[in-house]
């Protein structure tokens, strides 16, 4: 029996989760993608051509693509010279939007060209910018300026908002409404994850859903966003923007870093996200999965296959627990 799964987030977090889940053919996957990115190639194209951020959409398309490895590499390829920093996929998206006459058609056609195993839907079709109010009352505009802080990174983020406000893409609402499981991907908490819940209708849809809701917690803290944050702090922030305690399960990393790794990341003001089960349960979480879900490489990143396996097990356990008894007809 197939299971509808909506994966909500942005950046590499969605890419990692979708890349792993794609291998489980019993899952119908929907990627709901953040639309606040304004850095690099994406930012240039937004400013010059007025298109929506193509970068995160491209990442999700590649993650779900059933095309050859060569085609996937082509869409991730970044040019040099006068086109430095632009990716082929972003420019392809721009060309499709101009040829088809709309970004909605461009996203649909790109999915067909890449033969994606699922659907990719922007969280909104409206042109929005992220706005952060800091602890001292100062305001920072733009995802990039928050992500790569030009302000004092020791200041915490007190409040996020969108400028202007935006309504949700009906396709995103439909994907969340029909999902039997909603995955909140790992990623920069204040610039990739939480912005989705600022789009009108998204937080309410997630909070009221009867779907199994799983949050994949970040492995490391981020300077300027989550310095000193534990896993419970991450969940508390998500619940704050959702408006209620509704996350069912949290996946945290049990990996113990070496002294050399700790020292290397500390130089970047980044530290492992600590956790304790009682604190997570106090946030309303019902299930805490403690597992080494990191990649075996030098950089501390989530491993897509490990994450997908833990998610798949939670889905199967949930289905077993709440399976309706078969109807028996007596003759």
Protein backbone atom coordinates (compact mmCIF):
# COMPACT_ATOMS: atom_id res chain seq x y z
CA UNK A 1 0.00 0.00 0.00
CA UNK A 2 1.42 3.38 -1.01
CA UNK A 3 2.06 6.23 1.42
CA UNK A 4 1.89 9.93 0.54
CA UNK A 5 4.84 11.85 2.03
CA UNK A 6 5.33 15.63 1.93
CA UNK A 7 8.87 16.89 2.52
CA UNK A 8 8.96 20.52 3.63
CA UNK A 9 12.06 22.69 3.72
CA UNK A 10 14.74 24.27 1.57
CA UNK A 11 18.38 24.14 0.62
CA UNK A 12 20.38 20.94 0.88
CA UNK A 13 18.10 19.54 3.59
CA UNK A 14 15.31 18.75 1.15
CA UNK A 15 17.84 17.38 -1.32
CA UNK A 16 19.30 14.98 1.26
CA UNK A 17 15.96 13.67 2.50
CA UNK A 18 14.44 13.29 -0.97
CA UNK A 19 17.53 11.56 -2.40
CA UNK A 20 17.17 8.81 0.16
CA UNK A 21 13.38 8.48 0.21
CA UNK A 22 13.29 8.20 -3.60
CA UNK A 23 14.64 4.66 -3.27
CA UNK A 24 11.52 3.52 -1.38
CA UNK A 25 9.11 2.88 -4.23
CA UNK A 26 6.07 2.54 -1.93
CA UNK A 27 6.27 6.26 -1.14
CA UNK A 28 4.58 9.00 -3.19
CA UNK A 29 6.81 12.04 -2.65
CA UNK A 30 5.89 15.72 -2.70
CA UNK A 31 8.57 18.36 -2.12
CA UNK A 32 7.29 21.68 -0.77
CA UNK A 33 10.10 24.16 -1.34
CA UNK A 34 11.08 27.39 0.39
CA UNK A 35 11.06 30.55 -1.78
CA UNK A 36 13.19 33.07 0.16
CA UNK A 37 16.67 32.29 -1.24
CA UNK A 38 18.25 35.45 -2.66
CA UNK A 39 21.97 34.66 -2.79
CA UNK A 40 24.43 33.65 -5.51
CA UNK A 41 23.07 32.74 -8.93
CA UNK A 42 19.52 32.67 -7.58
CA UNK A 43 19.80 36.22 -6.26
CA UNK A 44 21.21 37.55 -9.54
CA UNK A 45 18.42 35.96 -11.57
CA UNK A 46 15.77 37.23 -9.13
CA UNK A 47 17.09 40.78 -9.38
CA UNK A 48 17.71 40.86 -13.14
CA UNK A 49 14.74 38.87 -14.42
CA UNK A 50 12.20 39.00 -11.59
CA UNK A 51 11.81 35.21 -11.41
CA UNK A 52 11.24 33.22 -8.25
CA UNK A 53 14.25 31.53 -6.62
CA UNK A 54 15.13 28.56 -8.85
CA UNK A 55 17.96 27.12 -6.74
CA UNK A 56 16.04 25.09 -4.16
CA UNK A 57 13.55 23.89 -6.78
CA UNK A 58 16.47 22.69 -8.90
CA UNK A 59 17.98 20.81 -5.95
CA UNK A 60 14.72 18.97 -5.29
CA UNK A 61 14.30 18.14 -8.98
CA UNK A 62 17.78 16.61 -9.10
CA UNK A 63 17.12 14.64 -5.91
CA UNK A 64 13.98 13.09 -7.39
CA UNK A 65 15.26 12.70 -10.94
CA UNK A 66 15.22 9.27 -12.56
CA UNK A 67 17.46 10.56 -15.37
CA UNK A 68 21.07 9.48 -15.87
CA UNK A 69 23.84 10.62 -13.55
CA UNK A 70 25.24 12.69 -16.43
CA UNK A 71 22.00 14.66 -16.85
CA UNK A 72 21.81 15.23 -13.10
CA UNK A 73 25.41 16.54 -13.11
CA UNK A 74 24.54 18.78 -16.05
CA UNK A 75 21.75 20.49 -14.11
CA UNK A 76 24.07 21.02 -11.13
CA UNK A 77 26.96 22.27 -13.28
CA UNK A 78 28.26 25.76 -12.43
CA UNK A 79 29.82 27.87 -15.16
CA UNK A 80 33.12 29.71 -15.06
CA UNK A 81 34.17 32.94 -16.73
CA UNK A 82 31.48 35.55 -17.37
CA UNK A 83 28.78 33.17 -16.14
CA UNK A 84 30.64 32.35 -12.94
CA UNK A 85 28.41 31.06 -10.10
CA UNK A 86 25.43 30.46 -12.40
CA UNK A 87 24.28 26.85 -12.58
CA UNK A 88 23.01 25.29 -15.79
CA UNK A 89 19.83 24.27 -13.97
CA UNK A 90 19.04 27.84 -12.90
CA UNK A 91 19.56 29.20 -16.42
CA UNK A 92 17.49 26.32 -17.84
CA UNK A 93 14.68 27.24 -15.42
CA UNK A 94 14.86 30.86 -16.58
CA UNK A 95 14.72 29.82 -20.25
CA UNK A 96 11.76 27.51 -19.62
CA UNK A 97 9.88 30.26 -17.80
CA UNK A 98 10.35 32.62 -20.75
CA UNK A 99 9.48 29.96 -23.35
CA UNK A 100 6.36 28.66 -21.58
CA UNK A 101 5.25 32.08 -20.37
CA UNK A 102 4.97 31.16 -16.69
CA UNK A 103 7.02 29.81 -13.84
CA UNK A 104 4.32 27.30 -12.97
CA UNK A 105 4.65 25.73 -16.41
CA UNK A 106 8.45 25.93 -16.17
CA UNK A 107 8.49 23.91 -12.95
CA UNK A 108 6.09 21.37 -14.41
CA UNK A 109 8.11 20.97 -17.62
CA UNK A 110 11.42 20.69 -15.78
CA UNK A 111 9.95 17.87 -13.72
CA UNK A 112 8.95 16.07 -16.92
CA UNK A 113 12.35 16.59 -18.55
CA UNK A 114 14.17 15.25 -15.50
CA UNK A 115 11.65 12.41 -15.07
CA UNK A 116 11.20 13.09 -11.38
CA UNK A 117 9.79 10.41 -9.08
CA UNK A 118 7.32 12.67 -7.33
CA UNK A 119 6.28 16.32 -7.44
CA UNK A 120 8.10 19.55 -6.61
CA UNK A 121 5.97 22.54 -5.64
CA UNK A 122 7.11 26.01 -4.49
CA UNK A 123 5.56 26.98 -1.16
CA UNK A 124 4.30 30.20 -2.79
CA UNK A 125 4.27 31.80 -6.24
CA UNK A 126 4.68 35.29 -4.79
CA UNK A 127 7.91 37.30 -4.75
CA UNK A 128 8.93 37.51 -1.10
CA UNK A 129 11.91 38.54 1.00
CA UNK A 130 12.80 37.33 4.47
CA UNK A 131 12.95 39.82 7.32
CA UNK A 132 14.53 39.15 10.73
CA UNK A 133 14.17 41.23 13.85
CA UNK A 134 17.15 40.75 16.18
CA UNK A 135 17.27 40.74 19.96
CA UNK A 136 18.38 44.39 20.03
CA UNK A 137 15.45 45.49 17.88
CA UNK A 138 17.46 45.97 14.69
CA UNK A 139 16.11 44.52 11.44
CA UNK A 140 17.91 42.54 8.71
CA UNK A 141 16.39 42.11 5.24
CA UNK A 142 17.18 39.26 2.90
CA UNK A 143 17.90 35.57 3.39
CA UNK A 144 21.56 35.96 2.42
CA UNK A 145 22.18 38.81 4.86
CA UNK A 146 20.71 36.69 7.65
CA UNK A 147 22.42 33.49 6.54
CA UNK A 148 25.88 35.07 6.16
CA UNK A 149 25.47 37.66 8.91
CA UNK A 150 26.69 41.17 8.26
CA UNK A 151 25.27 42.10 11.66
CA UNK A 152 26.55 41.02 15.07
CA UNK A 153 26.25 37.20 14.89
CA UNK A 154 26.08 36.99 18.68
CA UNK A 155 22.60 38.50 18.56
CA UNK A 156 19.74 36.02 18.46
CA UNK A 157 16.83 36.25 16.04
CA UNK A 158 13.73 37.38 17.91
CA UNK A 159 11.19 37.29 15.09
CA UNK A 160 10.91 36.32 11.43
CA UNK A 161 8.47 37.73 8.89
CA UNK A 162 8.00 38.03 5.13
CA UNK A 163 8.02 41.22 3.08
CA UNK A 164 5.44 41.38 1.66
CA UNK A 165 3.14 38.78 3.19
CA UNK A 166 2.30 35.91 0.84
CA UNK A 167 -0.41 33.35 0.24
CA UNK A 168 0.45 29.67 -0.12
CA UNK A 169 0.62 27.93 -3.45
CA UNK A 170 -2.63 25.89 -3.61
CA UNK A 171 -0.58 22.93 -4.83
CA UNK A 172 1.54 23.12 -1.67
CA UNK A 173 -1.55 23.18 0.53
CA UNK A 174 -3.00 20.23 -1.37
CA UNK A 175 0.23 18.24 -0.98
CA UNK A 176 0.28 18.84 2.78
CA UNK A 177 -3.44 18.14 3.13
CA UNK A 178 -3.23 14.77 1.38
CA UNK A 179 0.00 13.66 3.05
CA UNK A 180 0.01 10.75 5.48
CA UNK A 181 3.46 11.81 6.66
CA UNK A 182 5.01 15.30 6.74
CA UNK A 183 8.79 15.55 7.00
CA UNK A 184 10.37 18.82 8.15
CA UNK A 185 13.83 18.65 6.62
CA UNK A 186 17.08 19.64 8.30
CA UNK A 187 18.63 22.91 7.20
CA UNK A 188 19.35 26.40 8.45
CA UNK A 189 16.53 26.85 10.93
CA UNK A 190 15.77 30.54 10.43
CA UNK A 191 16.56 30.82 6.71
CA UNK A 192 15.45 27.47 5.24
CA UNK A 193 12.97 25.79 7.59
CA UNK A 194 10.92 28.41 9.43
CA UNK A 195 10.28 30.71 6.43
CA UNK A 196 7.90 28.09 5.02
CA UNK A 197 5.60 28.54 8.02
CA UNK A 198 5.41 32.30 7.42
CA UNK A 199 3.53 31.76 4.17
CA UNK A 200 -0.18 32.20 4.83
CA UNK A 201 -1.92 28.85 5.27
CA UNK A 202 1.13 26.59 5.55
CA UNK A 203 1.55 26.55 9.35
CA UNK A 204 -2.18 26.00 9.90
CA UNK A 205 -2.22 23.16 7.38
CA UNK A 206 0.71 21.39 9.02
CA UNK A 207 -0.48 22.01 12.58
CA UNK A 208 -4.00 20.70 11.93
CA UNK A 209 -2.93 17.70 9.85
CA UNK A 210 -3.49 14.23 11.24
CA UNK A 211 -0.39 13.04 9.34
CA UNK A 212 2.64 11.66 11.12
CA UNK A 213 4.96 14.66 11.53
CA UNK A 214 8.71 14.06 11.70
CA UNK A 215 11.40 16.67 12.25
CA UNK A 216 14.95 15.82 11.20
CA UNK A 217 17.07 17.88 13.55
CA UNK A 218 20.26 19.62 12.45
CA UNK A 219 23.60 18.04 13.29
CA UNK A 220 25.46 21.28 14.04
CA UNK A 221 24.59 24.73 15.34
CA UNK A 222 24.95 27.74 13.03
CA UNK A 223 26.56 31.04 13.89
CA UNK A 224 24.10 33.92 13.75
CA UNK A 225 21.06 31.62 13.88
CA UNK A 226 21.20 28.78 16.39
CA UNK A 227 24.26 29.31 18.55
CA UNK A 228 23.79 27.32 21.75
CA UNK A 229 20.60 25.67 20.51
CA UNK A 230 19.79 22.14 21.65
CA UNK A 231 17.48 19.80 19.74
CA UNK A 232 14.65 20.85 22.08
CA UNK A 233 15.34 24.51 21.22
CA UNK A 234 15.02 23.67 17.52
CA UNK A 235 11.69 21.91 18.13
CA UNK A 236 10.46 24.76 20.32
CA UNK A 237 11.18 27.26 17.53
CA UNK A 238 9.34 25.10 14.97
CA UNK A 239 6.36 24.79 17.31
CA UNK A 240 6.37 28.55 17.89
CA UNK A 241 5.91 29.22 14.18
CA UNK A 242 3.46 26.36 13.73
CA UNK A 243 1.36 27.73 16.57
CA UNK A 244 1.09 24.50 18.57
CA UNK A 245 3.02 21.45 19.74
CA UNK A 246 2.38 18.94 16.98
CA UNK A 247 5.63 17.22 16.00
CA UNK A 248 5.31 13.48 16.59
CA UNK A 249 8.86 12.30 16.04
CA UNK A 250 12.35 13.81 16.05
CA UNK A 251 15.47 12.25 14.57
CA UNK A 252 18.67 13.29 16.35
CA UNK A 253 22.26 12.27 15.75
CA UNK A 254 24.00 10.00 18.26
CA UNK A 255 27.39 10.49 16.56
CA UNK A 256 30.23 11.49 18.90
CA UNK A 257 32.68 13.76 17.12
CA UNK A 258 36.42 13.41 17.55
CA UNK A 259 38.44 16.10 19.32
CA UNK A 260 39.88 17.15 15.96
CA UNK A 261 36.43 17.52 14.42
CA UNK A 262 35.14 19.48 17.41
CA UNK A 263 38.12 21.82 17.21
CA UNK A 264 37.76 22.33 13.46
CA UNK A 265 34.07 23.23 13.70
CA UNK A 266 34.59 25.35 16.80
CA UNK A 267 36.83 27.62 14.70
CA UNK A 268 33.70 28.31 12.63
CA UNK A 269 31.68 28.84 15.83
CA UNK A 270 29.71 25.66 15.15
CA UNK A 271 29.06 22.87 17.65
CA UNK A 272 27.12 19.58 17.71
CA UNK A 273 23.42 20.02 18.49
CA UNK A 274 23.01 18.50 21.94
CA UNK A 275 19.88 16.67 22.99
CA UNK A 276 18.25 14.91 25.90
CA UNK A 277 15.08 12.88 25.58
CA UNK A 278 13.17 14.39 28.56
CA UNK A 279 13.53 17.91 27.13
CA UNK A 280 12.22 16.74 23.75
CA UNK A 281 9.28 14.94 25.36
CA UNK A 282 8.50 18.15 27.28
CA UNK A 283 8.06 19.84 23.89
CA UNK A 284 5.27 17.40 23.03
CA UNK A 285 7.37 14.98 20.99
CA UNK A 286 6.20 11.38 21.24
CA UNK A 287 9.12 9.56 19.60
CA UNK A 288 12.84 10.35 19.68
CA UNK A 289 15.07 8.43 17.28
CA UNK A 290 18.71 8.47 18.37
CA UNK A 291 20.90 7.23 15.53
CA UNK A 292 24.14 7.95 13.72
CA UNK A 293 22.60 9.56 10.66
CA UNK A 294 25.73 11.39 9.55
CA UNK A 295 27.71 10.93 6.37
CA UNK A 296 31.04 9.04 6.72
CA UNK A 297 32.94 11.92 5.10
CA UNK A 298 35.07 14.60 6.74
CA UNK A 299 32.30 17.21 6.58
CA UNK A 300 29.54 16.67 9.13
CA UNK A 301 26.45 16.19 6.98
CA UNK A 302 23.35 14.00 7.05
CA UNK A 303 23.59 10.77 5.09
CA UNK A 304 20.60 10.49 2.77
CA UNK A 305 20.28 6.69 2.99
CA UNK A 306 20.53 6.65 6.79
CA UNK A 307 17.96 9.42 7.19
CA UNK A 308 15.59 7.76 4.72
CA UNK A 309 15.81 4.43 6.55
CA UNK A 310 14.95 5.99 9.91
CA UNK A 311 12.04 7.89 8.35
CA UNK A 312 10.78 4.80 6.55
CA UNK A 313 10.87 2.77 9.79
CA UNK A 314 8.86 5.46 11.60
CA UNK A 315 6.28 5.46 8.82
CA UNK A 316 5.95 1.68 8.91
CA UNK A 317 5.68 1.60 12.71
CA UNK A 318 3.05 4.35 12.62
CA UNK A 319 1.00 2.47 10.02
CA UNK A 320 1.17 -0.72 12.08
CA UNK A 321 0.13 1.09 15.24
CA UNK A 322 -2.87 2.82 13.69
CA UNK A 323 -3.91 0.22 11.14
CA UNK A 324 -7.65 -0.14 11.05
CA UNK A 325 -8.93 -3.68 11.77
CA UNK A 326 -10.16 -5.54 8.73
CA UNK A 327 -13.92 -5.79 8.32
CA UNK A 328 -15.18 -9.34 8.66
CA UNK A 329 -18.40 -10.28 6.94
CA UNK A 330 -20.31 -13.12 8.57
CA UNK A 331 -22.36 -15.30 6.26
